[in-house]
Amino acid sequence: MSTTVKKHKAFATEKEAMFTKAKSLVEALDAKAKVTVADGKLQFKTIFGKQVGGEYINDRSQMDVAVIDGSEGGSVVIARAFPINAVGQPLTFGVRSNVAERVVDMFLEGLDK
């Protein structure tokens, strides 16, 4: 069973504005999160600790986010997350809960607000 979760959601907001909102949301979910932005692309990688959005989630996680063109001037946000160990390697066994799914769901729900 894979521990990686990938979800996407369409928004009416144009992609540059949605990218800015997504980066701001990551900082709101975890002020200590490490965010690495890809040069020239509307995508970033985030490393979360064990606490996201004030909720303890058992394991660290990495979430990769991309914002692409949607229909009628809107955008689509794609989020892929998986649990990682203390040195940033993906966990393939010993995952204690649905860490990745919870992180992606909190992120996509936060973009709706």
C-alpha atoms as a PDB file:
ATOM      1  CA  MET A   1       0.000   0.000   0.000  1.00  0.00           C
ATOM      2  CA  SER A   2       1.348   3.402  -0.983  1.00  0.00           C
ATOM      3  CA  THR A   3       1.722   6.104   1.642  1.00  0.00           C
ATOM      4  CA  THR A   4       1.676   8.859  -1.011  1.00  0.00           C
ATOM      5  CA  VAL A   5      -1.515  10.866  -1.491  1.00  0.00           C
ATOM      6  CA  LYS A   6      -2.165  13.016  -4.572  1.00  0.00           C
ATOM      7  CA  LYS A   7      -5.222  15.243  -4.946  1.00  0.00           C
ATOM      8  CA  HIS A   8      -6.183  18.223  -7.074  1.00  0.00           C
ATOM      9  CA  LYS A   9      -8.817  20.907  -6.914  1.00  0.00           C
ATOM     10  CA  ALA A  10      -9.999  23.543  -9.391  1.00  0.00           C
ATOM     11  CA  PHE A  11     -10.461  27.203  -8.462  1.00  0.00           C
ATOM     12  CA  ALA A  12     -11.843  30.246 -10.276  1.00  0.00           C
ATOM     13  CA  THR A  13      -8.815  32.325  -9.192  1.00  0.00           C
ATOM     14  CA  GLU A  14      -6.034  32.873 -11.751  1.00  0.00           C
ATOM     15  CA  LYS A  15      -2.914  30.777 -11.212  1.00  0.00           C
ATOM     16  CA  GLU A  16      -0.417  33.435 -10.023  1.00  0.00           C
ATOM     17  CA  ALA A  17      -2.797  34.660  -7.310  1.00  0.00           C
ATOM     18  CA  MET A  18      -3.579  31.079  -6.277  1.00  0.00           C
ATOM     19  CA  PHE A  19       0.147  30.284  -6.049  1.00  0.00           C
ATOM     20  CA  THR A  20       0.672  33.243  -3.695  1.00  0.00           C
ATOM     21  CA  LYS A  21      -2.317  32.164  -1.594  1.00  0.00           C
ATOM     22  CA  ALA A  22      -1.016  28.573  -1.433  1.00  0.00           C
ATOM     23  CA  LYS A  23       2.415  29.691  -0.180  1.00  0.00           C
ATOM     24  CA  SER A  24       0.795  31.934   2.438  1.00  0.00           C
ATOM     25  CA  LEU A  25      -1.413  29.080   3.596  1.00  0.00           C
ATOM     26  CA  VAL A  26       1.607  26.829   4.172  1.00  0.00           C
ATOM     27  CA  GLU A  27       3.092  29.468   6.464  1.00  0.00           C
ATOM     28  CA  ALA A  28      -0.227  29.684   8.337  1.00  0.00           C
ATOM     29  CA  LEU A  29      -0.374  25.889   8.763  1.00  0.00           C
ATOM     30  CA  ASP A  30       3.200  25.638  10.058  1.00  0.00           C
ATOM     31  CA  ALA A  31       5.296  28.754  10.614  1.00  0.00           C
ATOM     32  CA  LYS A  32       8.442  26.592  10.793  1.00  0.00           C
ATOM     33  CA  ALA A  33       7.738  24.757   7.522  1.00  0.00           C
ATOM     34  CA  LYS A  34      10.588  24.762   5.040  1.00  0.00           C
ATOM     35  CA  VAL A  35       9.344  25.936   1.621  1.00  0.00           C
ATOM     36  CA  THR A  36      11.448  25.526  -1.520  1.00  0.00           C
ATOM     37  CA  VAL A  37      10.129  27.257  -4.642  1.00  0.00           C
ATOM     38  CA  ALA A  38      11.107  26.017  -8.131  1.00  0.00           C
ATOM     39  CA  ASP A  39      12.607  28.818 -10.223  1.00  0.00           C
ATOM     40  CA  GLY A  40      10.317  30.066 -12.971  1.00  0.00           C
ATOM     41  CA  LYS A  41       7.553  27.598 -12.162  1.00  0.00           C
ATOM     42  CA  LEU A  42       4.443  27.843 -10.049  1.00  0.00           C
ATOM     43  CA  GLN A  43       5.378  24.947  -7.800  1.00  0.00           C
ATOM     44  CA  PHE A  44       6.988  24.435  -4.429  1.00  0.00           C
ATOM     45  CA  LYS A  45       8.041  21.747  -1.974  1.00  0.00           C
ATOM     46  CA  THR A  46       7.217  21.959   1.723  1.00  0.00           C
ATOM     47  CA  ILE A  47       8.623  20.007   4.663  1.00  0.00           C
ATOM     48  CA  PHE A  48       6.237  19.930   7.630  1.00  0.00           C
ATOM     49  CA  GLY A  49       7.052  18.902  11.175  1.00  0.00           C
ATOM     50  CA  LYS A  50       4.815  16.707  13.301  1.00  0.00           C
ATOM     51  CA  GLN A  51       2.382  19.538  13.996  1.00  0.00           C
ATOM     52  CA  VAL A  52       0.372  21.079  11.142  1.00  0.00           C
ATOM     53  CA  GLY A  53      -2.386  23.625  11.602  1.00  0.00           C
ATOM     54  CA  GLY A  54      -2.205  23.184  15.371  1.00  0.00           C
ATOM     55  CA  GLU A  55      -2.900  19.460  15.019  1.00  0.00           C
ATOM     56  CA  TYR A  56      -0.380  16.755  15.978  1.00  0.00           C
ATOM     57  CA  ILE A  57      -0.120  14.309  13.042  1.00  0.00           C
ATOM     58  CA  ASN A  58       2.407  11.653  14.222  1.00  0.00           C
ATOM     59  CA  ASP A  59       4.997  11.925  11.416  1.00  0.00           C
ATOM     60  CA  ARG A  60       6.856  14.561   9.432  1.00  0.00           C
ATOM     61  CA  SER A  61       5.705  14.993   5.850  1.00  0.00           C
ATOM     62  CA  GLN A  62       6.674  16.462   2.533  1.00  0.00           C
ATOM     63  CA  MET A  63       4.094  18.092   0.284  1.00  0.00           C
ATOM     64  CA  ASP A  64       4.750  19.064  -3.327  1.00  0.00           C
ATOM     65  CA  VAL A  65       2.356  21.653  -4.770  1.00  0.00           C
ATOM     66  CA  ALA A  66       1.906  22.786  -8.369  1.00  0.00           C
ATOM     67  CA  VAL A  67      -0.526  25.370  -9.727  1.00  0.00           C
ATOM     68  CA  ILE A  68      -1.520  25.011 -13.374  1.00  0.00           C
ATOM     69  CA  ASP A  69      -3.964  26.640 -15.775  1.00  0.00           C
ATOM     70  CA  GLY A  70      -7.578  25.668 -15.285  1.00  0.00           C
ATOM     71  CA  SER A  71     -10.651  26.292 -17.373  1.00  0.00           C
ATOM     72  CA  GLU A  72     -11.942  29.794 -18.129  1.00  0.00           C
ATOM     73  CA  GLY A  73      -9.000  31.671 -16.599  1.00  0.00           C
ATOM     74  CA  GLY A  74      -9.021  29.700 -13.379  1.00  0.00           C
ATOM     75  CA  SER A  75      -6.408  27.397 -11.921  1.00  0.00           C
ATOM     76  CA  VAL A  76      -5.928  23.867 -10.653  1.00  0.00           C
ATOM     77  CA  VAL A  77      -3.891  23.155  -7.519  1.00  0.00           C
ATOM     78  CA  ILE A  78      -2.224  19.748  -7.384  1.00  0.00           C
ATOM     79  CA  ALA A  79      -0.909  18.543  -4.022  1.00  0.00           C
ATOM     80  CA  ARG A  80       1.107  15.375  -3.446  1.00  0.00           C
ATOM     81  CA  ALA A  81       2.230  14.416   0.050  1.00  0.00           C
ATOM     82  CA  PHE A  82       4.009  11.561   1.775  1.00  0.00           C
ATOM     83  CA  PRO A  83       5.465  10.926   5.248  1.00  0.00           C
ATOM     84  CA  ILE A  84       9.226  11.350   5.727  1.00  0.00           C
ATOM     85  CA  ASN A  85      11.752  10.454   8.389  1.00  0.00           C
ATOM     86  CA  ALA A  86      13.928  12.878  10.350  1.00  0.00           C
ATOM     87  CA  VAL A  87      16.476  13.209   7.519  1.00  0.00           C
ATOM     88  CA  GLY A  88      13.883  13.743   4.784  1.00  0.00           C
ATOM     89  CA  GLN A  89      13.686  10.263   3.285  1.00  0.00           C
ATOM     90  CA  PRO A  90      10.241   8.892   2.360  1.00  0.00           C
ATOM     91  CA  LEU A  91       8.792   6.438   4.874  1.00  0.00           C
ATOM     92  CA  THR A  92       7.709   3.232   3.201  1.00  0.00           C
ATOM     93  CA  PHE A  93       6.752   1.327   6.350  1.00  0.00           C
ATOM     94  CA  GLY A  94       5.960   2.110   9.966  1.00  0.00           C
ATOM     95  CA  VAL A  95       3.628   4.989   9.147  1.00  0.00           C
ATOM     96  CA  ARG A  96       1.353   5.398  12.142  1.00  0.00           C
ATOM     97  CA  SER A  97      -1.646   7.107  10.544  1.00  0.00           C
ATOM     98  CA  ASN A  98      -3.008   8.773   7.429  1.00  0.00           C
ATOM     99  CA  VAL A  99      -0.462  11.596   7.701  1.00  0.00           C
ATOM    100  CA  ALA A 100      -0.265  12.493   4.008  1.00  0.00           C
ATOM    101  CA  GLU A 101      -3.997  12.486   3.451  1.00  0.00           C
ATOM    102  CA  ARG A 102      -4.596  14.705   6.488  1.00  0.00           C
ATOM    103  CA  VAL A 103      -1.975  17.240   5.367  1.00  0.00           C
ATOM    104  CA  VAL A 104      -3.350  17.446   1.805  1.00  0.00           C
ATOM    105  CA  ASP A 105      -6.937  17.739   3.059  1.00  0.00           C
ATOM    106  CA  MET A 106      -6.043  20.559   5.494  1.00  0.00           C
ATOM    107  CA  PHE A 107      -4.202  22.362   2.690  1.00  0.00           C
ATOM    108  CA  LEU A 108      -6.959  22.095   0.077  1.00  0.00           C
ATOM    109  CA  GLU A 109      -9.672  23.000   2.636  1.00  0.00           C
ATOM    110  CA  GLY A 110      -7.653  26.067   3.638  1.00  0.00           C
ATOM    111  CA  LEU A 111      -7.490  27.236   0.021  1.00  0.00           C
ATOM    112  CA  ASP A 112     -11.315  27.284  -0.085  1.00  0.00           C
ATOM    113  CA  LYS A 113     -11.518  29.854   2.719  1.00  0.00           C
END
